[in-house]
Amino acid sequence: MKRRNTRPADKGAPKWMVTYSDMITLILVFFILLFSMSQIDAEKFRALAEAFRSETIFEAMPSIIEEENPTENTEVLKEEENDDKQGDTSQANDEKEDNIQSEESLETVTKTPERDELDELLAEIEKFLNENDLNQVISAMRTDQGVVLILQESVLFETGEATVLDPAKAFLDKVSTLLSNIPNEVRVEGHTDNRPIASIRFPSNWELSGARASSVIRYILTTNSFNESRFISAGYGDTRPVESNNTSEGWSANRRVEIVILDSE
């Protein structure tokens, strides 16, 4: 009796396991891809979006698709960009003009009352000088600091002296009456010409100008019950001339006392 030939059994895993393993691996890779695509880096995504939004990318890398009228499209884009820039510029200019106008209106609002007050004060002083026949000896003018009354040396003092003359006291009495009706601070300034003085009492024009300003203040304080803190004395010597010191007329104009009624801020 012949023996049946039997095939030897294959060693190892069955062949169908190879196909099954490949399928399982492919499925695993597929799910890994799905998982990685679902995780988006916000920073990288933002950078990528900005890169696509940037004009330089499209300018540096021309499109592979030919346009029918590339020049016309480029011109349209440039016109739109120019319109946007012009719109932004005009808007900025409008905002600047609005700010300037608002600042000017604010300055007008803040400064107009002060100017009106000083102009009214100057008008009242000029009226006072006219009514009291003081225009020949006292002149009034408006400055940024306030209203200035100018009295020449010949009306108030002897040459080289700082004692108020008796005839000048009548004028100062009327100035005192004027100052008693207003609350403003008062600065009295003494001025001289450039001719040097050298005496025991006044070694220079500095001492002479300061003494004259102080003499005027002292006399005014005796005429009314003024608050002394309202008054300021200043001696400028020959440092602030109003005329040339080359003529006798200029010397006479420069020798003066100025009573500055200061702007009340």
C-alpha atoms as a PDB file:
ATOM      1  CA  MET A   1       0.000   0.000   0.000  1.00  0.00           C
ATOM      2  CA  LYS A   2       1.395   3.311  -1.063  1.00  0.00           C
ATOM      3  CA  ARG A   3       1.808   6.066   1.527  1.00  0.00           C
ATOM      4  CA  ARG A   4      -0.008   9.374   0.897  1.00  0.00           C
ATOM      5  CA  ASN A   5       2.316  12.263   0.198  1.00  0.00           C
ATOM      6  CA  THR A   6       1.573  15.009   2.717  1.00  0.00           C
ATOM      7  CA  ARG A   7       2.768  18.601   2.209  1.00  0.00           C
ATOM      8  CA  PRO A   8       4.847  19.909   4.995  1.00  0.00           C
ATOM      9  CA  ALA A   9       3.083  22.621   7.025  1.00  0.00           C
ATOM     10  CA  ASP A  10       4.247  26.202   6.452  1.00  0.00           C
ATOM     11  CA  LYS A  11       6.036  27.674   9.337  1.00  0.00           C
ATOM     12  CA  GLY A  12       5.218  31.182  10.625  1.00  0.00           C
ATOM     13  CA  ALA A  13       2.091  33.332  10.374  1.00  0.00           C
ATOM     14  CA  PRO A  14      -0.487  32.608   7.732  1.00  0.00           C
ATOM     15  CA  LYS A  15      -0.160  34.536   4.437  1.00  0.00           C
ATOM     16  CA  TRP A  16      -3.448  36.375   4.942  1.00  0.00           C
ATOM     17  CA  MET A  17      -1.893  38.072   7.954  1.00  0.00           C
ATOM     18  CA  VAL A  18       0.440  40.044   5.670  1.00  0.00           C
ATOM     19  CA  THR A  19      -2.473  41.607   3.819  1.00  0.00           C
ATOM     20  CA  TYR A  20      -4.284  42.214   7.067  1.00  0.00           C
ATOM     21  CA  SER A  21      -1.242  43.921   8.592  1.00  0.00           C
ATOM     22  CA  ASP A  22      -0.873  46.195   5.567  1.00  0.00           C
ATOM     23  CA  MET A  23      -4.531  47.190   5.801  1.00  0.00           C
ATOM     24  CA  ILE A  24      -4.268  47.913   9.529  1.00  0.00           C
ATOM     25  CA  THR A  25      -1.104  50.007   8.957  1.00  0.00           C
ATOM     26  CA  LEU A  26      -2.790  52.033   6.197  1.00  0.00           C
ATOM     27  CA  ILE A  27      -5.805  52.667   8.400  1.00  0.00           C
ATOM     28  CA  LEU A  28      -3.526  53.766  11.246  1.00  0.00           C
ATOM     29  CA  VAL A  29      -1.653  56.185   8.960  1.00  0.00           C
ATOM     30  CA  PHE A  30      -4.976  57.562   7.665  1.00  0.00           C
ATOM     31  CA  PHE A  31      -6.237  58.315  11.165  1.00  0.00           C
ATOM     32  CA  ILE A  32      -2.893  59.879  12.128  1.00  0.00           C
ATOM     33  CA  LEU A  33      -3.179  62.196   9.126  1.00  0.00           C
ATOM     34  CA  LEU A  34      -6.719  63.135  10.095  1.00  0.00           C
ATOM     35  CA  PHE A  35      -5.598  63.886  13.644  1.00  0.00           C
ATOM     36  CA  SER A  36      -2.652  66.021  12.539  1.00  0.00           C
ATOM     37  CA  MET A  37      -4.852  68.039  10.168  1.00  0.00           C
ATOM     38  CA  SER A  38      -7.336  68.753  12.937  1.00  0.00           C
ATOM     39  CA  GLN A  39      -4.586  70.369  15.103  1.00  0.00           C
ATOM     40  CA  ILE A  40      -3.960  73.903  13.629  1.00  0.00           C
ATOM     41  CA  ASP A  41      -1.204  76.125  14.962  1.00  0.00           C
ATOM     42  CA  ALA A  42      -2.843  79.529  15.325  1.00  0.00           C
ATOM     43  CA  GLU A  43       0.432  81.451  15.003  1.00  0.00           C
ATOM     44  CA  LYS A  44       1.493  79.603  11.864  1.00  0.00           C
ATOM     45  CA  PHE A  45      -1.953  79.982  10.362  1.00  0.00           C
ATOM     46  CA  ARG A  46      -1.916  83.737  11.078  1.00  0.00           C
ATOM     47  CA  ALA A  47       1.542  84.072   9.520  1.00  0.00           C
ATOM     48  CA  LEU A  48       0.427  82.153   6.456  1.00  0.00           C
ATOM     49  CA  ALA A  49      -2.672  84.333   6.088  1.00  0.00           C
ATOM     50  CA  GLU A  50      -0.561  87.504   6.375  1.00  0.00           C
ATOM     51  CA  ALA A  51       1.830  86.156   3.760  1.00  0.00           C
ATOM     52  CA  PHE A  52      -1.025  85.603   1.304  1.00  0.00           C
ATOM     53  CA  ARG A  53      -2.413  89.033   2.130  1.00  0.00           C
ATOM     54  CA  SER A  54       0.915  90.735   1.419  1.00  0.00           C
ATOM     55  CA  GLU A  55       1.326  92.426  -1.949  1.00  0.00           C
ATOM     56  CA  THR A  56       5.029  91.595  -2.208  1.00  0.00           C
ATOM     57  CA  ILE A  57       4.333  87.877  -2.693  1.00  0.00           C
ATOM     58  CA  PHE A  58       2.206  88.489  -5.759  1.00  0.00           C
ATOM     59  CA  GLU A  59       4.539  91.145  -7.071  1.00  0.00           C
ATOM     60  CA  ALA A  60       7.617  88.932  -6.689  1.00  0.00           C
ATOM     61  CA  MET A  61       5.884  85.789  -7.989  1.00  0.00           C
ATOM     62  CA  PRO A  62       3.871  86.464 -11.137  1.00  0.00           C
ATOM     63  CA  SER A  63       0.818  84.353 -11.737  1.00  0.00           C
ATOM     64  CA  ILE A  64       1.128  81.407 -14.059  1.00  0.00           C
ATOM     65  CA  ILE A  65      -2.338  82.205 -15.430  1.00  0.00           C
ATOM     66  CA  GLU A  66      -2.150  84.791 -18.141  1.00  0.00           C
ATOM     67  CA  GLU A  67      -4.551  87.667 -17.808  1.00  0.00           C
ATOM     68  CA  GLU A  68      -6.398  89.090 -20.735  1.00  0.00           C
ATOM     69  CA  ASN A  69      -5.527  92.725 -19.925  1.00  0.00           C
ATOM     70  CA  PRO A  70      -2.816  92.695 -17.272  1.00  0.00           C
ATOM     71  CA  THR A  71      -1.925  96.367 -17.746  1.00  0.00           C
ATOM     72  CA  GLU A  72      -5.505  97.511 -17.220  1.00  0.00           C
ATOM     73  CA  ASN A  73      -5.861  95.473 -14.043  1.00  0.00           C
ATOM     74  CA  THR A  74      -2.587  96.829 -12.696  1.00  0.00           C
ATOM     75  CA  GLU A  75      -3.658 100.374 -13.426  1.00  0.00           C
ATOM     76  CA  VAL A  76      -7.009  99.811 -11.726  1.00  0.00           C
ATOM     77  CA  LEU A  77      -5.280  98.455  -8.636  1.00  0.00           C
ATOM     78  CA  LYS A  78      -2.853 101.394  -8.550  1.00  0.00           C
ATOM     79  CA  GLU A  79      -5.710 103.865  -8.962  1.00  0.00           C
ATOM     80  CA  GLU A  80      -7.567 102.247  -6.077  1.00  0.00           C
ATOM     81  CA  GLU A  81      -4.429 102.382  -3.922  1.00  0.00           C
ATOM     82  CA  ASN A  82      -3.879 106.029  -4.801  1.00  0.00           C
ATOM     83  CA  ASP A  83      -7.500 106.819  -4.002  1.00  0.00           C
ATOM     84  CA  ASP A  84      -7.153 105.118  -0.634  1.00  0.00           C
ATOM     85  CA  LYS A  85      -3.932 107.005   0.133  1.00  0.00           C
ATOM     86  CA  GLN A  86      -5.437 110.300  -0.959  1.00  0.00           C
ATOM     87  CA  GLY A  87      -8.487 109.591   1.150  1.00  0.00           C
ATOM     88  CA  ASP A  88      -6.323 108.853   4.193  1.00  0.00           C
ATOM     89  CA  THR A  89      -4.232 111.994   3.568  1.00  0.00           C
ATOM     90  CA  SER A  90      -7.265 114.221   3.153  1.00  0.00           C
ATOM     91  CA  GLN A  91      -8.817 112.746   6.271  1.00  0.00           C
ATOM     92  CA  ALA A  92      -5.611 113.405   8.235  1.00  0.00           C
ATOM     93  CA  ASN A  93      -5.479 116.971   6.880  1.00  0.00           C
ATOM     94  CA  ASP A  94      -9.105 117.511   7.845  1.00  0.00           C
ATOM     95  CA  GLU A  95      -8.383 116.267  11.355  1.00  0.00           C
ATOM     96  CA  LYS A  96      -5.374 118.610  11.613  1.00  0.00           C
ATOM     97  CA  GLU A  97      -7.457 121.565  10.417  1.00  0.00           C
ATOM     98  CA  ASP A  98     -10.187 120.688  12.913  1.00  0.00           C
ATOM     99  CA  ASN A  99      -7.606 120.522  15.717  1.00  0.00           C
ATOM    100  CA  ILE A 100      -6.072 123.859  14.676  1.00  0.00           C
ATOM    101  CA  GLN A 101      -9.485 125.494  14.480  1.00  0.00           C
ATOM    102  CA  SER A 102     -10.478 124.111  17.860  1.00  0.00           C
ATOM    103  CA  GLU A 103      -7.208 125.359  19.390  1.00  0.00           C
ATOM    104  CA  GLU A 104      -7.685 128.790  17.814  1.00  0.00           C
ATOM    105  CA  SER A 105     -11.250 128.961  19.037  1.00  0.00           C
ATOM    106  CA  LEU A 106     -10.091 127.912  22.502  1.00  0.00           C
ATOM    107  CA  GLU A 107      -7.413 130.615  22.477  1.00  0.00           C
ATOM    108  CA  THR A 108      -9.990 133.131  21.312  1.00  0.00           C
ATOM    109  CA  VAL A 109     -12.332 132.131  24.085  1.00  0.00           C
ATOM    110  CA  THR A 110      -9.606 132.342  26.729  1.00  0.00           C
ATOM    111  CA  LYS A 111      -7.861 135.464  25.476  1.00  0.00           C
ATOM    112  CA  THR A 112     -10.734 137.622  24.286  1.00  0.00           C
ATOM    113  CA  PRO A 113     -12.082 138.485  27.770  1.00  0.00           C
ATOM    114  CA  GLU A 114      -8.596 139.543  28.943  1.00  0.00           C
ATOM    115  CA  ARG A 115      -8.001 141.674  25.857  1.00  0.00           C
ATOM    116  CA  ASP A 116     -11.441 143.222  26.114  1.00  0.00           C
ATOM    117  CA  GLU A 117     -10.836 144.007  29.779  1.00  0.00           C
ATOM    118  CA  LEU A 118      -7.487 145.682  29.047  1.00  0.00           C
ATOM    119  CA  ASP A 119      -8.888 147.573  26.073  1.00  0.00           C
ATOM    120  CA  GLU A 120     -11.722 148.857  28.252  1.00  0.00           C
ATOM    121  CA  LEU A 121      -9.189 149.817  30.919  1.00  0.00           C
ATOM    122  CA  LEU A 122      -7.100 151.709  28.361  1.00  0.00           C
ATOM    123  CA  ALA A 123     -10.187 153.549  27.129  1.00  0.00           C
ATOM    124  CA  GLU A 124     -11.125 154.490  30.701  1.00  0.00           C
ATOM    125  CA  ILE A 125      -7.578 155.716  31.396  1.00  0.00           C
ATOM    126  CA  GLU A 126      -7.496 157.818  28.224  1.00  0.00           C
ATOM    127  CA  LYS A 127     -10.864 159.293  29.166  1.00  0.00           C
ATOM    128  CA  PHE A 128      -9.542 160.010  32.662  1.00  0.00           C
ATOM    129  CA  LEU A 129      -6.440 161.725  31.239  1.00  0.00           C
ATOM    130  CA  ASN A 130      -8.577 163.854  28.921  1.00  0.00           C
ATOM    131  CA  GLU A 131     -10.981 164.905  31.663  1.00  0.00           C
ATOM    132  CA  ASN A 132      -8.123 165.862  33.993  1.00  0.00           C
ATOM    133  CA  ASP A 133      -5.951 167.603  31.352  1.00  0.00           C
ATOM    134  CA  LEU A 134      -3.110 165.146  31.825  1.00  0.00           C
ATOM    135  CA  ASN A 135      -2.437 164.320  28.173  1.00  0.00           C
ATOM    136  CA  GLN A 136       0.459 166.788  28.022  1.00  0.00           C
ATOM    137  CA  VAL A 137       2.352 165.142  30.891  1.00  0.00           C
ATOM    138  CA  ILE A 138       1.152 161.532  30.871  1.00  0.00           C
ATOM    139  CA  SER A 139       0.725 159.196  27.894  1.00  0.00           C
ATOM    140  CA  ALA A 140      -0.950 155.792  27.935  1.00  0.00           C
ATOM    141  CA  MET A 141      -0.321 152.774  25.756  1.00  0.00           C
ATOM    142  CA  ARG A 142      -1.323 149.122  25.575  1.00  0.00           C
ATOM    143  CA  THR A 143       1.264 146.309  25.776  1.00  0.00           C
ATOM    144  CA  ASP A 144       1.161 142.548  26.254  1.00  0.00           C
ATOM    145  CA  GLN A 145       1.746 143.062  29.978  1.00  0.00           C
ATOM    146  CA  GLY A 146      -1.034 145.596  30.499  1.00  0.00           C
ATOM    147  CA  VAL A 147      -1.616 149.348  30.252  1.00  0.00           C
ATOM    148  CA  VAL A 148       1.426 151.618  30.643  1.00  0.00           C
ATOM    149  CA  LEU A 149       1.358 155.208  31.897  1.00  0.00           C
ATOM    150  CA  ILE A 150       4.500 157.127  30.878  1.00  0.00           C
ATOM    151  CA  LEU A 151       5.628 160.185  32.897  1.00  0.00           C
ATOM    152  CA  GLN A 152       8.674 162.138  31.736  1.00  0.00           C
ATOM    153  CA  GLU A 153      11.448 163.020  34.153  1.00  0.00           C
ATOM    154  CA  SER A 154      10.919 166.768  33.698  1.00  0.00           C
ATOM    155  CA  VAL A 155       7.449 166.450  35.233  1.00  0.00           C
ATOM    156  CA  LEU A 156       8.517 164.466  38.299  1.00  0.00           C
ATOM    157  CA  PHE A 157      12.147 165.161  39.235  1.00  0.00           C
ATOM    158  CA  GLU A 158      15.059 167.527  39.002  1.00  0.00           C
ATOM    159  CA  THR A 159      17.944 166.285  36.858  1.00  0.00           C
ATOM    160  CA  GLY A 160      19.959 163.697  38.743  1.00  0.00           C
ATOM    161  CA  GLU A 161      17.514 163.649  41.681  1.00  0.00           C
ATOM    162  CA  ALA A 162      14.855 161.205  42.933  1.00  0.00           C
ATOM    163  CA  THR A 163      12.680 163.483  45.104  1.00  0.00           C
ATOM    164  CA  VAL A 164       9.175 164.030  43.700  1.00  0.00           C
ATOM    165  CA  LEU A 165       8.576 167.705  42.814  1.00  0.00           C
ATOM    166  CA  ASP A 166       5.636 169.502  44.428  1.00  0.00           C
ATOM    167  CA  PRO A 167       3.941 170.308  41.075  1.00  0.00           C
ATOM    168  CA  ALA A 168       4.134 166.612  40.152  1.00  0.00           C
ATOM    169  CA  LYS A 169       2.198 165.577  43.247  1.00  0.00           C
ATOM    170  CA  ALA A 170      -1.050 166.871  41.735  1.00  0.00           C
ATOM    171  CA  PHE A 171      -0.574 164.536  38.772  1.00  0.00           C
ATOM    172  CA  LEU A 172       0.312 161.608  41.014  1.00  0.00           C
ATOM    173  CA  ASP A 173      -2.774 162.301  43.143  1.00  0.00           C
ATOM    174  CA  LYS A 174      -4.936 161.784  40.051  1.00  0.00           C
ATOM    175  CA  VAL A 175      -2.990 158.651  39.135  1.00  0.00           C
ATOM    176  CA  SER A 176      -3.589 157.434  42.684  1.00  0.00           C
ATOM    177  CA  THR A 177      -7.324 158.030  42.254  1.00  0.00           C
ATOM    178  CA  LEU A 178      -7.235 156.011  39.059  1.00  0.00           C
ATOM    179  CA  LEU A 179      -5.389 153.115  40.707  1.00  0.00           C
ATOM    180  CA  SER A 180      -7.778 153.091  43.657  1.00  0.00           C
ATOM    181  CA  ASN A 181     -10.629 152.180  41.306  1.00  0.00           C
ATOM    182  CA  ILE A 182      -8.998 149.068  39.866  1.00  0.00           C
ATOM    183  CA  PRO A 183      -7.649 145.924  41.582  1.00  0.00           C
ATOM    184  CA  ASN A 184      -4.701 145.262  39.245  1.00  0.00           C
ATOM    185  CA  GLU A 185      -1.129 144.957  40.427  1.00  0.00           C
ATOM    186  CA  VAL A 186       1.127 147.901  39.547  1.00  0.00           C
ATOM    187  CA  ARG A 187       4.797 147.872  38.596  1.00  0.00           C
ATOM    188  CA  VAL A 188       6.612 151.221  38.664  1.00  0.00           C
ATOM    189  CA  GLU A 189       9.723 151.310  36.477  1.00  0.00           C
ATOM    190  CA  GLY A 190      12.502 153.896  36.515  1.00  0.00           C
ATOM    191  CA  HIS A 191      14.496 154.608  33.337  1.00  0.00           C
ATOM    192  CA  THR A 192      17.423 156.928  32.560  1.00  0.00           C
ATOM    193  CA  ASP A 193      19.489 157.956  29.540  1.00  0.00           C
ATOM    194  CA  ASN A 194      22.979 156.628  28.954  1.00  0.00           C
ATOM    195  CA  ARG A 195      24.891 159.581  30.376  1.00  0.00           C
ATOM    196  CA  PRO A 196      26.816 158.373  33.421  1.00  0.00           C
ATOM    197  CA  ILE A 197      26.142 159.714  36.889  1.00  0.00           C
ATOM    198  CA  ALA A 198      28.541 159.414  39.794  1.00  0.00           C
ATOM    199  CA  SER A 199      27.406 160.990  43.032  1.00  0.00           C
ATOM    200  CA  ILE A 200      27.544 159.936  46.654  1.00  0.00           C
ATOM    201  CA  ARG A 201      23.828 159.197  46.675  1.00  0.00           C
ATOM    202  CA  PHE A 202      23.624 157.627  43.192  1.00  0.00           C
ATOM    203  CA  PRO A 203      26.861 155.920  42.096  1.00  0.00           C
ATOM    204  CA  SER A 204      25.249 154.895  38.770  1.00  0.00           C
ATOM    205  CA  ASN A 205      22.040 155.062  36.748  1.00  0.00           C
ATOM    206  CA  TRP A 206      20.921 151.809  38.384  1.00  0.00           C
ATOM    207  CA  GLU A 207      20.576 153.472  41.790  1.00  0.00           C
ATOM    208  CA  LEU A 208      18.995 156.594  40.294  1.00  0.00           C
ATOM    209  CA  SER A 209      16.344 154.709  38.296  1.00  0.00           C
ATOM    210  CA  GLY A 210      15.486 152.428  41.241  1.00  0.00           C
ATOM    211  CA  ALA A 211      15.245 155.376  43.656  1.00  0.00           C
ATOM    212  CA  ARG A 212      12.884 157.251  41.316  1.00  0.00           C
ATOM    213  CA  ALA A 213      10.559 154.249  40.996  1.00  0.00           C
ATOM    214  CA  SER A 214      10.539 153.802  44.777  1.00  0.00           C
ATOM    215  CA  SER A 215       9.837 157.541  45.345  1.00  0.00           C
ATOM    216  CA  VAL A 216       6.750 157.393  43.107  1.00  0.00           C
ATOM    217  CA  ILE A 217       5.436 154.307  44.917  1.00  0.00           C
ATOM    218  CA  ARG A 218       6.063 155.825  48.338  1.00  0.00           C
ATOM    219  CA  TYR A 219       4.128 158.961  47.452  1.00  0.00           C
ATOM    220  CA  ILE A 220       1.190 157.047  45.929  1.00  0.00           C
ATOM    221  CA  LEU A 221       0.944 154.869  49.043  1.00  0.00           C
ATOM    222  CA  THR A 222       0.547 157.986  51.204  1.00  0.00           C
ATOM    223  CA  THR A 223      -2.421 159.239  49.197  1.00  0.00           C
ATOM    224  CA  ASN A 224      -4.714 156.220  49.629  1.00  0.00           C
ATOM    225  CA  SER A 225      -5.029 153.126  51.759  1.00  0.00           C
ATOM    226  CA  PHE A 226      -3.483 150.819  49.182  1.00  0.00           C
ATOM    227  CA  ASN A 227      -2.368 147.276  49.817  1.00  0.00           C
ATOM    228  CA  GLU A 228       1.411 147.576  49.501  1.00  0.00           C
ATOM    229  CA  SER A 229       1.677 144.075  48.031  1.00  0.00           C
ATOM    230  CA  ARG A 230       0.047 145.404  44.853  1.00  0.00           C
ATOM    231  CA  PHE A 231       3.132 147.478  43.988  1.00  0.00           C
ATOM    232  CA  ILE A 232       6.453 146.422  42.468  1.00  0.00           C
ATOM    233  CA  SER A 233       9.482 148.688  42.093  1.00  0.00           C
ATOM    234  CA  ALA A 234      11.996 148.194  39.267  1.00  0.00           C
ATOM    235  CA  GLY A 235      15.024 150.199  38.138  1.00  0.00           C
ATOM    236  CA  TYR A 236      16.299 149.532  34.620  1.00  0.00           C
ATOM    237  CA  GLY A 237      18.932 152.266  34.335  1.00  0.00           C
ATOM    238  CA  ASP A 238      19.684 153.026  30.679  1.00  0.00           C
ATOM    239  CA  THR A 239      19.116 149.445  29.450  1.00  0.00           C
ATOM    240  CA  ARG A 240      15.657 150.006  27.900  1.00  0.00           C
ATOM    241  CA  PRO A 241      15.715 153.194  25.842  1.00  0.00           C
ATOM    242  CA  VAL A 242      12.718 154.194  23.716  1.00  0.00           C
ATOM    243  CA  GLU A 243      14.707 156.664  21.599  1.00  0.00           C
ATOM    244  CA  SER A 244      18.288 157.046  20.444  1.00  0.00           C
ATOM    245  CA  ASN A 245      20.696 158.390  23.052  1.00  0.00           C
ATOM    246  CA  ASN A 246      22.542 160.435  20.416  1.00  0.00           C
ATOM    247  CA  THR A 247      20.360 163.552  20.720  1.00  0.00           C
ATOM    248  CA  SER A 248      19.025 165.715  23.526  1.00  0.00           C
ATOM    249  CA  GLU A 249      15.471 164.826  22.509  1.00  0.00           C
ATOM    250  CA  GLY A 250      16.323 161.135  22.828  1.00  0.00           C
ATOM    251  CA  TRP A 251      17.860 161.689  26.267  1.00  0.00           C
ATOM    252  CA  SER A 252      14.711 163.475  27.397  1.00  0.00           C
ATOM    253  CA  ALA A 253      12.440 160.705  26.111  1.00  0.00           C
ATOM    254  CA  ASN A 254      14.510 157.994  27.775  1.00  0.00           C
ATOM    255  CA  ARG A 255      14.466 159.686  31.200  1.00  0.00           C
ATOM    256  CA  ARG A 256      11.040 158.555  32.339  1.00  0.00           C
ATOM    257  CA  VAL A 257       8.963 156.663  34.884  1.00  0.00           C
ATOM    258  CA  GLU A 258       6.518 154.042  33.630  1.00  0.00           C
ATOM    259  CA  ILE A 259       3.556 152.923  35.714  1.00  0.00           C
ATOM    260  CA  VAL A 260       2.522 149.521  34.361  1.00  0.00           C
ATOM    261  CA  ILE A 261      -0.991 148.434  35.298  1.00  0.00           C
ATOM    262  CA  LEU A 262      -0.491 144.709  34.928  1.00  0.00           C
ATOM    263  CA  ASP A 263      -2.897 142.342  33.274  1.00  0.00           C
ATOM    264  CA  SER A 264      -4.961 140.556  35.921  1.00  0.00           C
ATOM    265  CA  GLU A 265      -4.665 136.837  35.155  1.00  0.00           C
END
